[in-house]
N, C-alpha and C. Protein backbone atom coordinates (compact mmCIF):
# COMPACT_ATOMS: atom_id res chain seq x y z
N UNK A 1 112.95 125.21 90.51
CA UNK A 1 113.82 124.08 90.28
C UNK A 1 112.98 122.87 89.90
N UNK A 2 113.54 122.02 89.04
CA UNK A 2 112.83 120.82 88.61
C UNK A 2 113.63 119.58 89.00
N UNK A 3 112.94 118.60 89.55
CA UNK A 3 113.54 117.31 89.91
C UNK A 3 112.77 116.21 89.21
N UNK A 4 113.51 115.21 88.74
CA UNK A 4 112.91 114.04 88.11
C UNK A 4 113.51 112.80 88.74
N UNK A 5 112.65 111.81 89.01
CA UNK A 5 113.12 110.57 89.61
C UNK A 5 112.26 109.40 89.12
N UNK A 6 112.91 108.27 88.88
CA UNK A 6 112.18 107.04 88.54
C UNK A 6 112.08 106.20 89.80
N UNK A 7 110.88 105.70 90.06
CA UNK A 7 110.67 104.84 91.23
C UNK A 7 109.90 103.60 90.82
N UNK A 8 110.08 102.54 91.61
CA UNK A 8 109.35 101.29 91.40
C UNK A 8 108.21 101.22 92.40
N UNK A 9 107.05 100.86 91.93
CA UNK A 9 105.87 100.71 92.80
C UNK A 9 105.96 99.34 93.46
N UNK A 10 106.09 99.33 94.78
CA UNK A 10 106.28 98.08 95.52
C UNK A 10 105.00 97.54 96.14
N UNK A 11 103.95 98.34 96.16
CA UNK A 11 102.70 97.89 96.78
C UNK A 11 102.12 96.69 96.04
N UNK A 12 101.61 95.73 96.79
CA UNK A 12 101.08 94.50 96.20
C UNK A 12 99.99 94.75 95.16
N UNK A 13 99.18 95.78 95.38
CA UNK A 13 98.08 96.08 94.46
C UNK A 13 98.39 97.27 93.56
N UNK A 14 99.65 97.69 93.52
CA UNK A 14 100.02 98.83 92.69
C UNK A 14 99.54 100.13 93.31
N UNK A 15 99.30 101.12 92.47
CA UNK A 15 98.82 102.43 92.96
C UNK A 15 97.30 102.40 93.06
N UNK A 16 96.81 101.71 94.06
CA UNK A 16 95.36 101.62 94.29
C UNK A 16 94.93 102.81 95.15
N UNK A 17 93.74 102.77 95.68
CA UNK A 17 93.14 103.92 96.36
C UNK A 17 93.95 104.42 97.55
N UNK A 18 94.44 103.53 98.39
CA UNK A 18 95.14 103.98 99.60
C UNK A 18 96.43 104.75 99.28
N UNK A 19 97.34 104.21 98.46
CA UNK A 19 98.53 105.01 98.15
C UNK A 19 98.21 106.26 97.33
N UNK A 20 97.23 106.18 96.46
CA UNK A 20 96.84 107.36 95.67
C UNK A 20 96.34 108.47 96.60
N UNK A 21 95.55 108.10 97.60
CA UNK A 21 95.07 109.07 98.58
C UNK A 21 96.23 109.67 99.36
N UNK A 22 97.19 108.84 99.73
CA UNK A 22 98.37 109.32 100.45
C UNK A 22 99.14 110.34 99.63
N UNK A 23 99.29 110.07 98.34
CA UNK A 23 100.01 111.00 97.45
C UNK A 23 99.29 112.34 97.41
N UNK A 24 97.98 112.30 97.18
CA UNK A 24 97.20 113.54 97.07
C UNK A 24 97.25 114.33 98.39
N UNK A 25 97.12 113.65 99.52
CA UNK A 25 97.18 114.33 100.81
C UNK A 25 98.56 114.94 101.05
N UNK A 26 99.60 114.21 100.67
CA UNK A 26 100.96 114.70 100.82
C UNK A 26 101.20 115.97 100.01
N UNK A 27 100.55 116.07 98.86
CA UNK A 27 100.78 117.18 97.94
C UNK A 27 99.86 118.37 98.16
N UNK A 28 98.88 118.25 99.05
CA UNK A 28 97.92 119.33 99.27
C UNK A 28 98.57 120.66 99.62
N UNK A 29 99.59 120.63 100.43
CA UNK A 29 100.21 121.88 100.88
C UNK A 29 101.45 122.27 100.08
N UNK A 30 101.83 121.46 99.10
CA UNK A 30 103.04 121.80 98.34
C UNK A 30 102.74 122.84 97.27
N UNK A 31 103.76 123.62 96.96
CA UNK A 31 103.62 124.68 95.97
C UNK A 31 104.01 124.22 94.57
N UNK A 32 104.74 123.12 94.49
CA UNK A 32 105.27 122.63 93.22
C UNK A 32 104.20 121.94 92.37
N UNK A 33 104.47 121.89 91.07
CA UNK A 33 103.67 121.07 90.17
C UNK A 33 104.28 119.68 90.20
N UNK A 34 103.44 118.67 90.37
CA UNK A 34 103.93 117.30 90.46
C UNK A 34 103.21 116.47 89.41
N UNK A 35 104.00 115.76 88.60
CA UNK A 35 103.44 114.92 87.55
C UNK A 35 104.00 113.51 87.66
N UNK A 36 103.16 112.55 87.32
CA UNK A 36 103.58 111.15 87.27
C UNK A 36 103.41 110.67 85.84
N UNK A 37 104.43 109.99 85.33
CA UNK A 37 104.37 109.43 83.98
C UNK A 37 104.48 107.92 84.06
N UNK A 38 103.57 107.24 83.37
CA UNK A 38 103.56 105.79 83.29
C UNK A 38 103.06 105.40 81.90
N UNK A 39 103.83 104.58 81.24
CA UNK A 39 103.50 104.14 79.88
C UNK A 39 103.15 105.32 78.96
N UNK A 40 104.00 106.30 78.96
CA UNK A 40 103.88 107.49 78.10
C UNK A 40 102.65 108.35 78.38
N UNK A 41 102.01 108.13 79.51
CA UNK A 41 100.88 108.98 79.90
C UNK A 41 101.29 109.77 81.14
N UNK A 42 101.16 111.08 81.08
CA UNK A 42 101.54 111.96 82.18
C UNK A 42 100.31 112.61 82.79
N UNK A 43 100.26 112.56 84.13
CA UNK A 43 99.09 113.10 84.83
C UNK A 43 99.52 114.05 85.95
N UNK A 44 98.57 114.84 86.43
CA UNK A 44 98.76 115.70 87.59
C UNK A 44 98.62 114.83 88.84
N UNK A 45 99.68 114.75 89.64
CA UNK A 45 99.68 113.87 90.81
C UNK A 45 98.82 114.39 91.95
N UNK A 46 98.25 115.57 91.81
CA UNK A 46 97.37 116.10 92.85
C UNK A 46 95.92 115.66 92.63
N UNK A 47 95.69 114.84 91.60
CA UNK A 47 94.35 114.35 91.28
C UNK A 47 94.27 112.84 91.53
N UNK A 48 93.48 112.45 92.52
CA UNK A 48 93.36 111.03 92.84
C UNK A 48 92.80 110.24 91.66
N UNK A 49 91.83 110.80 90.98
CA UNK A 49 91.23 110.11 89.84
C UNK A 49 92.26 109.88 88.74
N UNK A 50 93.09 110.87 88.48
CA UNK A 50 94.12 110.72 87.46
C UNK A 50 95.12 109.63 87.83
N UNK A 51 95.50 109.58 89.10
CA UNK A 51 96.44 108.54 89.55
C UNK A 51 95.82 107.17 89.36
N UNK A 52 94.57 107.00 89.77
CA UNK A 52 93.91 105.70 89.65
C UNK A 52 93.74 105.27 88.20
N UNK A 53 93.48 106.24 87.32
CA UNK A 53 93.27 105.91 85.90
C UNK A 53 94.55 105.45 85.21
N UNK A 54 95.71 105.72 85.80
CA UNK A 54 96.96 105.20 85.23
C UNK A 54 97.03 103.68 85.34
N UNK A 55 96.34 103.11 86.32
CA UNK A 55 96.32 101.65 86.55
C UNK A 55 97.74 101.09 86.68
N UNK A 56 98.51 101.69 87.56
CA UNK A 56 99.90 101.26 87.78
C UNK A 56 99.90 100.01 88.64
N UNK A 57 100.56 98.96 88.17
CA UNK A 57 100.59 97.68 88.89
C UNK A 57 101.88 97.53 89.70
N UNK A 58 101.95 96.48 90.50
CA UNK A 58 103.13 96.19 91.32
C UNK A 58 104.35 96.02 90.43
N UNK A 59 105.47 96.52 90.90
CA UNK A 59 106.78 96.46 90.23
C UNK A 59 106.87 97.31 88.97
N UNK A 60 105.88 98.13 88.71
CA UNK A 60 105.95 99.04 87.56
C UNK A 60 106.90 100.19 87.91
N UNK A 61 107.59 100.68 86.90
CA UNK A 61 108.46 101.85 87.06
C UNK A 61 107.71 103.07 86.57
N UNK A 62 107.69 104.10 87.40
CA UNK A 62 107.05 105.36 87.03
C UNK A 62 108.08 106.48 87.14
N UNK A 63 107.80 107.58 86.48
CA UNK A 63 108.66 108.76 86.57
C UNK A 63 107.88 109.86 87.28
N UNK A 64 108.52 110.46 88.26
CA UNK A 64 107.93 111.58 88.99
C UNK A 64 108.70 112.84 88.62
N UNK A 65 107.97 113.87 88.22
CA UNK A 65 108.55 115.19 87.93
C UNK A 65 107.97 116.19 88.92
N UNK A 66 108.85 116.90 89.60
CA UNK A 66 108.42 117.93 90.55
C UNK A 66 109.09 119.24 90.15
N UNK A 67 108.28 120.27 89.95
CA UNK A 67 108.82 121.56 89.54
C UNK A 67 108.23 122.67 90.41
N UNK A 68 109.11 123.38 91.10
CA UNK A 68 108.66 124.48 91.94
C UNK A 68 109.64 124.78 93.06
N UNK A 69 109.28 125.73 93.89
CA UNK A 69 110.19 126.20 94.94
C UNK A 69 110.47 125.17 96.03
N UNK A 70 109.55 124.24 96.26
CA UNK A 70 109.76 123.22 97.29
C UNK A 70 109.99 121.83 96.69
N UNK A 71 110.51 121.79 95.47
CA UNK A 71 110.64 120.52 94.75
C UNK A 71 111.55 119.51 95.44
N UNK A 72 112.63 119.97 96.07
CA UNK A 72 113.55 119.03 96.74
C UNK A 72 112.85 118.30 97.89
N UNK A 73 112.13 119.05 98.70
CA UNK A 73 111.44 118.47 99.85
C UNK A 73 110.33 117.53 99.39
N UNK A 74 109.55 117.97 98.41
CA UNK A 74 108.43 117.17 97.90
C UNK A 74 108.94 115.87 97.29
N UNK A 75 110.00 115.94 96.50
CA UNK A 75 110.54 114.73 95.87
C UNK A 75 111.03 113.75 96.93
N UNK A 76 111.72 114.23 97.95
CA UNK A 76 112.20 113.34 99.01
C UNK A 76 111.04 112.65 99.71
N UNK A 77 109.99 113.41 100.03
CA UNK A 77 108.82 112.82 100.69
C UNK A 77 108.17 111.76 99.81
N UNK A 78 108.04 112.03 98.52
CA UNK A 78 107.41 111.07 97.61
C UNK A 78 108.26 109.80 97.48
N UNK A 79 109.56 109.96 97.27
CA UNK A 79 110.44 108.80 97.11
C UNK A 79 110.42 107.96 98.39
N UNK A 80 110.48 108.60 99.55
CA UNK A 80 110.41 107.87 100.82
C UNK A 80 109.10 107.11 100.94
N UNK A 81 108.00 107.72 100.56
CA UNK A 81 106.69 107.06 100.63
C UNK A 81 106.65 105.83 99.73
N UNK A 82 107.17 105.95 98.52
CA UNK A 82 107.20 104.80 97.61
C UNK A 82 108.10 103.70 98.17
N UNK A 83 109.25 104.07 98.71
CA UNK A 83 110.18 103.09 99.28
C UNK A 83 109.54 102.35 100.46
N UNK A 84 108.73 103.05 101.23
CA UNK A 84 108.08 102.45 102.41
C UNK A 84 106.70 101.90 102.10
N UNK A 85 106.36 101.77 100.84
CA UNK A 85 105.08 101.21 100.39
C UNK A 85 103.88 101.92 101.02
N UNK A 86 104.04 103.21 101.27
CA UNK A 86 102.95 104.02 101.83
C UNK A 86 102.42 103.42 103.13
N UNK A 87 103.33 102.78 103.89
CA UNK A 87 102.97 102.22 105.19
C UNK A 87 102.19 100.93 105.13
N UNK A 88 102.16 100.29 103.97
CA UNK A 88 101.38 99.05 103.84
C UNK A 88 102.18 97.80 104.17
N UNK A 89 103.40 97.97 104.65
CA UNK A 89 104.20 96.82 105.06
C UNK A 89 104.72 96.09 103.97
């Protein structure tokens, strides 16, 4: 199954090292393929370097694509993390 969702990055510094690390750690045990698209560039969300190279800033809209057997659970976890600013308050 494939899920797609657009989310807004609420972190003050955008997708910097801390949220990027959280994303990669969250996805370590998932079976699905997860991709993030920003400004027409699509990357593998399991790669911290790829996430950082997107240079996503605060209030940017990104698209998350999750494809695989656990896509519903993975998408919910990712959307919740973005909504909660990865615990950065």
